[in-house]
Amino acid sequence: MNKLEVGILILIMCFMVALSGCTSDNNGSNDSGSSNSTSGNNTNSSDVDIVIEYSGSWACDTSGDFGYKSLSGTGDQTNNIGSVQGTVVAAARKTDSGNGVLTVTIMKDGKVLASQSTSAPYGGATAV
């Protein structure tokens, strides 16, 4: 993805957040058995977690009623973004040319609200 495509993606995400008033529930399944590390934040049952599963380096732009947060790291991570009432958008992308699968998942109360994956080098995945 080049900078223009990333910019357009972020613009679309912001537009979707502005138009939507509720959190998306794409599949409602539970994620029990992941081996993700946590970001060290205290969690509340109403808090939203952004889970990134990828062995390489990645970056993730998140937006919602809390504003905008940029996350980055290497390896599997769970990032608590606090209590969110409206829509959450998480656009993750590989920052390396790895062929492994990158998965971005939005979770609340132990339930998967949305999840998307990519295996393309420098690929991106967006969960809403």
C-alpha atoms as a PDB file:
ATOM      1  CA  MET A   1       0.000   0.000   0.000  1.00  0.00           C
ATOM      2  CA  ASN A   2       1.402   3.380  -0.899  1.00  0.00           C
ATOM      3  CA  LYS A   3       0.878   6.547   1.153  1.00  0.00           C
ATOM      4  CA  LEU A   4      -2.039   7.704  -1.005  1.00  0.00           C
ATOM      5  CA  GLU A   5      -3.872   4.402  -0.541  1.00  0.00           C
ATOM      6  CA  VAL A   6      -3.279   4.508   3.226  1.00  0.00           C
ATOM      7  CA  GLY A   7      -4.553   8.095   3.335  1.00  0.00           C
ATOM      8  CA  ILE A   8      -7.676   7.166   1.398  1.00  0.00           C
ATOM      9  CA  LEU A   9      -8.239   4.177   3.702  1.00  0.00           C
ATOM     10  CA  ILE A  10      -7.990   6.387   6.792  1.00  0.00           C
ATOM     11  CA  LEU A  11     -10.373   8.926   5.231  1.00  0.00           C
ATOM     12  CA  ILE A  12     -12.878   6.152   4.502  1.00  0.00           C
ATOM     13  CA  MET A  13     -12.528   4.833   8.064  1.00  0.00           C
ATOM     14  CA  CYS A  14     -13.227   8.286   9.517  1.00  0.00           C
ATOM     15  CA  PHE A  15     -16.279   8.652   7.257  1.00  0.00           C
ATOM     16  CA  MET A  16     -17.582   5.246   8.371  1.00  0.00           C
ATOM     17  CA  VAL A  17     -17.096   6.165  12.026  1.00  0.00           C
ATOM     18  CA  ALA A  18     -18.960   9.445  11.531  1.00  0.00           C
ATOM     19  CA  LEU A  19     -21.920   7.720   9.860  1.00  0.00           C
ATOM     20  CA  SER A  20     -22.209   4.760  12.210  1.00  0.00           C
ATOM     21  CA  GLY A  21     -23.513   4.860  15.746  1.00  0.00           C
ATOM     22  CA  CYS A  22     -23.031   1.317  16.965  1.00  0.00           C
ATOM     23  CA  THR A  23     -20.309  -1.295  17.254  1.00  0.00           C
ATOM     24  CA  SER A  24     -20.245  -3.833  14.459  1.00  0.00           C
ATOM     25  CA  ASP A  25     -20.887  -7.477  15.361  1.00  0.00           C
ATOM     26  CA  ASN A  26     -19.635  -9.459  12.404  1.00  0.00           C
ATOM     27  CA  ASN A  27     -19.600 -12.957  13.801  1.00  0.00           C
ATOM     28  CA  GLY A  28     -20.148 -12.980  17.560  1.00  0.00           C
ATOM     29  CA  SER A  29     -17.809 -15.917  18.159  1.00  0.00           C
ATOM     30  CA  ASN A  30     -15.591 -16.216  21.194  1.00  0.00           C
ATOM     31  CA  ASP A  31     -11.813 -16.157  20.979  1.00  0.00           C
ATOM     32  CA  SER A  32     -10.605 -18.545  23.633  1.00  0.00           C
ATOM     33  CA  GLY A  33      -7.166 -20.015  23.177  1.00  0.00           C
ATOM     34  CA  SER A  34      -5.137 -17.220  21.712  1.00  0.00           C
ATOM     35  CA  SER A  35      -1.634 -16.780  23.028  1.00  0.00           C
ATOM     36  CA  ASN A  36      -1.431 -13.027  22.682  1.00  0.00           C
ATOM     37  CA  SER A  37       0.498 -10.827  25.060  1.00  0.00           C
ATOM     38  CA  THR A  38      -1.234  -7.854  26.640  1.00  0.00           C
ATOM     39  CA  SER A  39      -0.228  -4.236  26.522  1.00  0.00           C
ATOM     40  CA  GLY A  40      -0.146  -3.979  30.304  1.00  0.00           C
ATOM     41  CA  ASN A  41      -3.279  -1.835  30.641  1.00  0.00           C
ATOM     42  CA  ASN A  42      -5.888  -2.752  33.225  1.00  0.00           C
ATOM     43  CA  THR A  43      -8.956  -4.106  31.488  1.00  0.00           C
ATOM     44  CA  ASN A  44     -12.610  -3.581  32.281  1.00  0.00           C
ATOM     45  CA  SER A  45     -15.314  -5.875  30.932  1.00  0.00           C
ATOM     46  CA  SER A  46     -16.651  -3.001  28.788  1.00  0.00           C
ATOM     47  CA  ASP A  47     -13.212  -2.186  27.392  1.00  0.00           C
ATOM     48  CA  VAL A  48     -12.386  -2.891  23.779  1.00  0.00           C
ATOM     49  CA  ASP A  49      -9.232  -4.790  22.830  1.00  0.00           C
ATOM     50  CA  ILE A  50      -7.474  -4.633  19.480  1.00  0.00           C
ATOM     51  CA  VAL A  51      -5.710  -7.971  18.961  1.00  0.00           C
ATOM     52  CA  ILE A  52      -2.950  -8.237  16.374  1.00  0.00           C
ATOM     53  CA  GLU A  53      -1.680 -11.691  15.479  1.00  0.00           C
ATOM     54  CA  TYR A  54       1.419 -11.631  13.306  1.00  0.00           C
ATOM     55  CA  SER A  55       4.972 -12.812  13.902  1.00  0.00           C
ATOM     56  CA  GLY A  56       6.579  -9.864  12.099  1.00  0.00           C
ATOM     57  CA  SER A  57       6.365  -6.096  12.445  1.00  0.00           C
ATOM     58  CA  TRP A  58       3.057  -4.301  12.012  1.00  0.00           C
ATOM     59  CA  ALA A  59       1.219  -1.007  12.482  1.00  0.00           C
ATOM     60  CA  CYS A  60      -2.465  -0.444  13.228  1.00  0.00           C
ATOM     61  CA  ASP A  61      -4.572   2.711  13.017  1.00  0.00           C
ATOM     62  CA  THR A  62      -7.641   2.663  15.256  1.00  0.00           C
ATOM     63  CA  SER A  63     -10.475   5.150  15.385  1.00  0.00           C
ATOM     64  CA  GLY A  64     -13.794   5.522  17.152  1.00  0.00           C
ATOM     65  CA  ASP A  65     -15.588   7.801  19.598  1.00  0.00           C
ATOM     66  CA  PHE A  66     -12.305   8.000  21.520  1.00  0.00           C
ATOM     67  CA  GLY A  67     -10.588   9.674  18.565  1.00  0.00           C
ATOM     68  CA  TYR A  68      -7.596   8.131  16.827  1.00  0.00           C
ATOM     69  CA  LYS A  69      -4.797   5.906  18.123  1.00  0.00           C
ATOM     70  CA  SER A  70      -1.801   4.601  16.229  1.00  0.00           C
ATOM     71  CA  LEU A  71      -0.410   1.263  17.406  1.00  0.00           C
ATOM     72  CA  SER A  72       2.701  -0.584  16.273  1.00  0.00           C
ATOM     73  CA  GLY A  73       4.763  -3.526  17.330  1.00  0.00           C
ATOM     74  CA  THR A  74       6.301  -6.877  16.527  1.00  0.00           C
ATOM     75  CA  GLY A  75       4.641 -10.181  17.220  1.00  0.00           C
ATOM     76  CA  ASP A  76       1.240 -10.954  18.707  1.00  0.00           C
ATOM     77  CA  GLN A  77      -0.199  -8.218  20.926  1.00  0.00           C
ATOM     78  CA  THR A  78      -3.447  -7.268  22.621  1.00  0.00           C
ATOM     79  CA  ASN A  79      -3.961  -3.524  23.017  1.00  0.00           C
ATOM     80  CA  ASN A  80      -6.681  -2.232  25.333  1.00  0.00           C
ATOM     81  CA  ILE A  81      -8.170   1.002  23.964  1.00  0.00           C
ATOM     82  CA  GLY A  82     -10.574   1.537  26.854  1.00  0.00           C
ATOM     83  CA  SER A  83     -14.345   1.744  26.982  1.00  0.00           C
ATOM     84  CA  VAL A  84     -15.898   2.460  23.585  1.00  0.00           C
ATOM     85  CA  GLN A  85     -19.614   2.915  22.951  1.00  0.00           C
ATOM     86  CA  GLY A  86     -19.713   3.453  19.165  1.00  0.00           C
ATOM     87  CA  THR A  87     -18.058   1.939  16.137  1.00  0.00           C
ATOM     88  CA  VAL A  88     -14.404   0.941  16.261  1.00  0.00           C
ATOM     89  CA  VAL A  89     -12.271   0.688  13.132  1.00  0.00           C
ATOM     90  CA  ALA A  90      -8.892  -1.068  13.237  1.00  0.00           C
ATOM     91  CA  ALA A  91      -6.785  -0.961  10.073  1.00  0.00           C
ATOM     92  CA  ALA A  92      -3.656  -3.081  10.498  1.00  0.00           C
ATOM     93  CA  ARG A  93      -0.866  -3.553   8.002  1.00  0.00           C
ATOM     94  CA  LYS A  94       2.406  -5.422   7.783  1.00  0.00           C
ATOM     95  CA  THR A  95       5.453  -3.202   7.868  1.00  0.00           C
ATOM     96  CA  ASP A  96       7.653  -5.977   6.526  1.00  0.00           C
ATOM     97  CA  SER A  97       7.518  -8.234   3.489  1.00  0.00           C
ATOM     98  CA  GLY A  98       6.617 -11.359   5.456  1.00  0.00           C
ATOM     99  CA  ASN A  99       4.320 -13.976   3.948  1.00  0.00           C
ATOM    100  CA  GLY A 100       2.748 -14.977   7.265  1.00  0.00           C
ATOM    101  CA  VAL A 101      -0.871 -14.239   8.102  1.00  0.00           C
ATOM    102  CA  LEU A 102      -1.655 -10.948   9.856  1.00  0.00           C
ATOM    103  CA  THR A 103      -5.002 -10.920  11.671  1.00  0.00           C
ATOM    104  CA  VAL A 104      -6.603  -7.883  13.309  1.00  0.00           C
ATOM    105  CA  THR A 105      -9.466  -8.570  15.728  1.00  0.00           C
ATOM    106  CA  ILE A 106     -11.733  -6.231  17.690  1.00  0.00           C
ATOM    107  CA  MET A 107     -12.928  -7.781  20.967  1.00  0.00           C
ATOM    108  CA  LYS A 108     -15.271  -6.654  23.741  1.00  0.00           C
ATOM    109  CA  ASP A 109     -16.374  -8.616  26.807  1.00  0.00           C
ATOM    110  CA  GLY A 110     -14.427 -11.639  25.546  1.00  0.00           C
ATOM    111  CA  LYS A 111     -16.369 -11.726  22.274  1.00  0.00           C
ATOM    112  CA  VAL A 112     -15.014 -11.200  18.776  1.00  0.00           C
ATOM    113  CA  LEU A 113     -16.822  -8.225  17.237  1.00  0.00           C
ATOM    114  CA  ALA A 114     -14.898  -8.196  13.960  1.00  0.00           C
ATOM    115  CA  SER A 115     -11.829  -9.842  12.478  1.00  0.00           C
ATOM    116  CA  GLN A 116      -9.939  -9.660   9.182  1.00  0.00           C
ATOM    117  CA  SER A 117      -6.739 -11.268   7.873  1.00  0.00           C
ATOM    118  CA  THR A 118      -4.184 -10.920   5.094  1.00  0.00           C
ATOM    119  CA  SER A 119      -1.205 -12.979   3.964  1.00  0.00           C
ATOM    120  CA  ALA A 120       0.110 -10.577   1.304  1.00  0.00           C
ATOM    121  CA  PRO A 121       3.578  -9.054   1.784  1.00  0.00           C
ATOM    122  CA  TYR A 122       3.042  -5.517   3.153  1.00  0.00           C
ATOM    123  CA  GLY A 123      -0.676  -6.422   3.179  1.00  0.00           C
ATOM    124  CA  GLY A 124      -3.376  -4.748   5.204  1.00  0.00           C
ATOM    125  CA  ALA A 125      -6.575  -5.864   6.922  1.00  0.00           C
ATOM    126  CA  THR A 126      -9.378  -3.709   8.323  1.00  0.00           C
ATOM    127  CA  ALA A 127     -11.904  -4.781  10.964  1.00  0.00           C
ATOM    128  CA  VAL A 128     -14.984  -2.644  11.642  1.00  0.00           C
END
